[in-house]
Amino acid sequence: MDARKIRVCPRCGSSKIQETKTSVNGWLVPTTYYCEEEGCGYSGPVFVEIDAEEAETLKRMMNGEAEA
């Protein structure tokens, strides 16, 4: 059984990453993603896709917290 995949921010590890919707995304210009996490401000063409079970561990690691 495949694990469920989620998109996360490459800067802070939050799963609050959204795709900017325009009529030319993916056709004329690359799709842009932005992070809705307070204090992050990431905006760019890249996101990280990981297993849902790994999301919290990745976020802690990206924010410099030790594993519990």
N, C-alpha and C. Protein backbone atom coordinates (compact mmCIF):
# COMPACT_ATOMS: atom_id res chain seq x y z
N MET A 1 0.85 -1.19 0.00
CA MET A 1 0.00 0.00 0.00
C MET A 1 0.89 1.25 0.00
N ASP A 2 0.62 2.17 -0.90
CA ASP A 2 1.41 3.39 -1.00
C ASP A 2 1.04 4.36 0.11
N ALA A 3 2.05 5.03 0.64
CA ALA A 3 1.82 6.05 1.67
C ALA A 3 1.25 7.30 1.00
N ARG A 4 0.46 8.03 1.75
CA ARG A 4 -0.12 9.27 1.24
C ARG A 4 0.98 10.32 1.17
N LYS A 5 1.08 11.01 0.05
CA LYS A 5 2.09 12.05 -0.16
C LYS A 5 1.46 13.42 0.07
N ILE A 6 2.25 14.34 0.65
CA ILE A 6 1.79 15.71 0.82
C ILE A 6 2.89 16.66 0.36
N ARG A 7 2.48 17.87 0.01
CA ARG A 7 3.42 18.92 -0.36
C ARG A 7 3.80 19.71 0.88
N VAL A 8 5.09 20.03 1.00
CA VAL A 8 5.55 20.86 2.12
C VAL A 8 6.47 21.95 1.59
N CYS A 9 6.58 23.01 2.36
CA CYS A 9 7.42 24.15 2.02
C CYS A 9 8.90 23.76 2.11
N PRO A 10 9.70 24.12 1.11
CA PRO A 10 11.12 23.80 1.17
C PRO A 10 11.91 24.68 2.14
N ARG A 11 11.30 25.76 2.63
CA ARG A 11 11.98 26.66 3.56
C ARG A 11 11.71 26.28 5.01
N CYS A 12 10.41 26.04 5.37
CA CYS A 12 10.08 25.81 6.78
C CYS A 12 9.50 24.43 7.07
N GLY A 13 9.14 23.66 6.04
CA GLY A 13 8.60 22.32 6.24
C GLY A 13 7.11 22.28 6.50
N SER A 14 6.43 23.42 6.44
CA SER A 14 4.99 23.47 6.68
C SER A 14 4.21 22.83 5.53
N SER A 15 3.08 22.22 5.85
CA SER A 15 2.22 21.67 4.81
C SER A 15 1.22 22.71 4.30
N LYS A 16 1.37 23.95 4.73
CA LYS A 16 0.48 25.03 4.30
C LYS A 16 1.00 25.68 3.01
N ILE A 17 1.35 24.87 2.03
CA ILE A 17 1.86 25.41 0.77
C ILE A 17 0.75 25.32 -0.28
N GLN A 18 0.55 26.42 -0.99
CA GLN A 18 -0.54 26.51 -1.96
C GLN A 18 0.01 26.90 -3.33
N GLU A 19 -0.73 26.55 -4.36
CA GLU A 19 -0.37 26.88 -5.73
C GLU A 19 -1.04 28.20 -6.10
N THR A 20 -0.28 29.10 -6.70
CA THR A 20 -0.85 30.36 -7.20
C THR A 20 -1.64 30.03 -8.46
N LYS A 21 -2.88 30.48 -8.51
CA LYS A 21 -3.74 30.18 -9.65
C LYS A 21 -3.78 31.37 -10.62
N THR A 22 -3.32 31.13 -11.85
CA THR A 22 -3.46 32.12 -12.93
C THR A 22 -3.84 31.35 -14.19
N SER A 23 -4.25 32.07 -15.19
CA SER A 23 -4.68 31.42 -16.42
C SER A 23 -3.51 30.92 -17.27
N VAL A 24 -2.29 31.32 -16.95
CA VAL A 24 -1.14 30.91 -17.76
C VAL A 24 -0.17 30.00 -17.01
N ASN A 25 -0.51 29.56 -15.79
CA ASN A 25 0.37 28.66 -15.03
C ASN A 25 0.64 27.39 -15.81
N GLY A 26 1.91 27.00 -15.85
CA GLY A 26 2.29 25.75 -16.50
C GLY A 26 2.29 25.82 -18.01
N TRP A 27 1.80 26.89 -18.56
CA TRP A 27 1.76 27.02 -20.01
C TRP A 27 2.76 28.09 -20.46
N LEU A 28 2.60 29.30 -19.96
CA LEU A 28 3.48 30.40 -20.33
C LEU A 28 4.54 30.66 -19.27
N VAL A 29 4.19 30.47 -18.02
CA VAL A 29 5.13 30.67 -16.90
C VAL A 29 5.07 29.45 -15.99
N PRO A 30 6.15 29.17 -15.25
CA PRO A 30 6.11 28.04 -14.32
C PRO A 30 5.10 28.28 -13.20
N THR A 31 4.56 27.21 -12.66
CA THR A 31 3.65 27.32 -11.53
C THR A 31 4.42 27.84 -10.33
N THR A 32 3.82 28.77 -9.60
CA THR A 32 4.45 29.32 -8.40
C THR A 32 3.68 28.83 -7.18
N TYR A 33 4.42 28.43 -6.15
CA TYR A 33 3.85 27.97 -4.90
C TYR A 33 4.21 28.97 -3.81
N TYR A 34 3.33 29.14 -2.83
CA TYR A 34 3.62 30.04 -1.72
C TYR A 34 3.22 29.37 -0.41
N CYS A 35 3.96 29.74 0.65
CA CYS A 35 3.72 29.16 1.96
C CYS A 35 2.87 30.11 2.79
N GLU A 36 1.82 29.57 3.41
CA GLU A 36 0.92 30.36 4.24
C GLU A 36 1.32 30.36 5.71
N GLU A 37 2.42 29.69 6.05
CA GLU A 37 2.88 29.64 7.44
C GLU A 37 3.34 31.04 7.86
N GLU A 38 2.86 31.47 9.02
CA GLU A 38 3.21 32.79 9.52
C GLU A 38 4.72 32.91 9.69
N GLY A 39 5.30 33.97 9.15
CA GLY A 39 6.73 34.22 9.29
C GLY A 39 7.60 33.56 8.24
N CYS A 40 7.05 32.73 7.37
CA CYS A 40 7.88 32.05 6.36
C CYS A 40 8.07 32.92 5.13
N GLY A 41 7.01 33.18 4.41
CA GLY A 41 7.08 34.04 3.23
C GLY A 41 7.63 33.40 1.97
N TYR A 42 7.80 32.07 1.95
CA TYR A 42 8.33 31.42 0.75
C TYR A 42 7.39 31.59 -0.43
N SER A 43 7.97 31.86 -1.59
CA SER A 43 7.25 31.91 -2.85
C SER A 43 8.23 31.47 -3.93
N GLY A 44 7.87 30.45 -4.69
CA GLY A 44 8.77 29.96 -5.73
C GLY A 44 8.20 28.78 -6.48
N PRO A 45 8.95 28.27 -7.44
CA PRO A 45 8.46 27.19 -8.30
C PRO A 45 8.66 25.78 -7.74
N VAL A 46 9.21 25.66 -6.53
CA VAL A 46 9.56 24.35 -5.99
C VAL A 46 8.80 24.05 -4.70
N PHE A 47 8.41 22.79 -4.52
CA PHE A 47 7.88 22.31 -3.26
C PHE A 47 8.49 20.93 -3.01
N VAL A 48 8.40 20.44 -1.78
CA VAL A 48 8.90 19.11 -1.43
C VAL A 48 7.69 18.21 -1.26
N GLU A 49 7.75 17.00 -1.79
CA GLU A 49 6.66 16.04 -1.63
C GLU A 49 7.19 14.87 -0.80
N ILE A 50 6.55 14.61 0.34
CA ILE A 50 7.00 13.56 1.26
C ILE A 50 5.80 12.73 1.72
N ASP A 51 6.11 11.60 2.37
CA ASP A 51 5.06 10.80 2.99
C ASP A 51 4.45 11.59 4.13
N ALA A 52 3.14 11.51 4.29
CA ALA A 52 2.44 12.27 5.33
C ALA A 52 2.97 11.96 6.72
N GLU A 53 3.40 10.70 6.96
CA GLU A 53 3.89 10.32 8.28
C GLU A 53 5.20 11.01 8.64
N GLU A 54 5.96 11.45 7.65
CA GLU A 54 7.26 12.07 7.87
C GLU A 54 7.20 13.59 8.02
N ALA A 55 6.04 14.19 7.81
CA ALA A 55 5.92 15.64 7.78
C ALA A 55 6.35 16.32 9.07
N GLU A 56 5.90 15.83 10.20
CA GLU A 56 6.23 16.48 11.47
C GLU A 56 7.72 16.37 11.78
N THR A 57 8.31 15.22 11.50
CA THR A 57 9.74 15.04 11.73
C THR A 57 10.56 15.98 10.85
N LEU A 58 10.18 16.10 9.58
CA LEU A 58 10.88 17.00 8.66
C LEU A 58 10.78 18.45 9.13
N LYS A 59 9.59 18.86 9.55
CA LYS A 59 9.39 20.23 10.00
C LYS A 59 10.27 20.54 11.23
N ARG A 60 10.35 19.61 12.17
CA ARG A 60 11.21 19.81 13.36
C ARG A 60 12.68 19.91 12.94
N MET A 61 13.11 19.05 12.05
CA MET A 61 14.50 19.08 11.59
C MET A 61 14.84 20.39 10.88
N MET A 62 13.92 20.87 10.03
CA MET A 62 14.16 22.09 9.28
C MET A 62 14.20 23.32 10.18
N ASN A 63 13.53 23.24 11.30
CA ASN A 63 13.49 24.37 12.24
C ASN A 63 14.53 24.24 13.35
N GLY A 64 15.46 23.28 13.20
CA GLY A 64 16.56 23.14 14.14
C GLY A 64 16.22 22.52 15.47
N GLU A 65 15.09 21.83 15.57
CA GLU A 65 14.70 21.18 16.81
C GLU A 65 15.21 19.75 16.82
N ALA A 66 15.57 19.28 17.98
CA ALA A 66 16.06 17.90 18.13
C ALA A 66 14.92 16.91 18.01
N GLU A 67 15.23 15.71 17.55
CA GLU A 67 14.19 14.67 17.48
C GLU A 67 13.81 14.21 18.87
N ALA A 68 12.52 13.95 19.05
CA ALA A 68 12.02 13.51 20.36
C ALA A 68 12.09 12.02 20.49
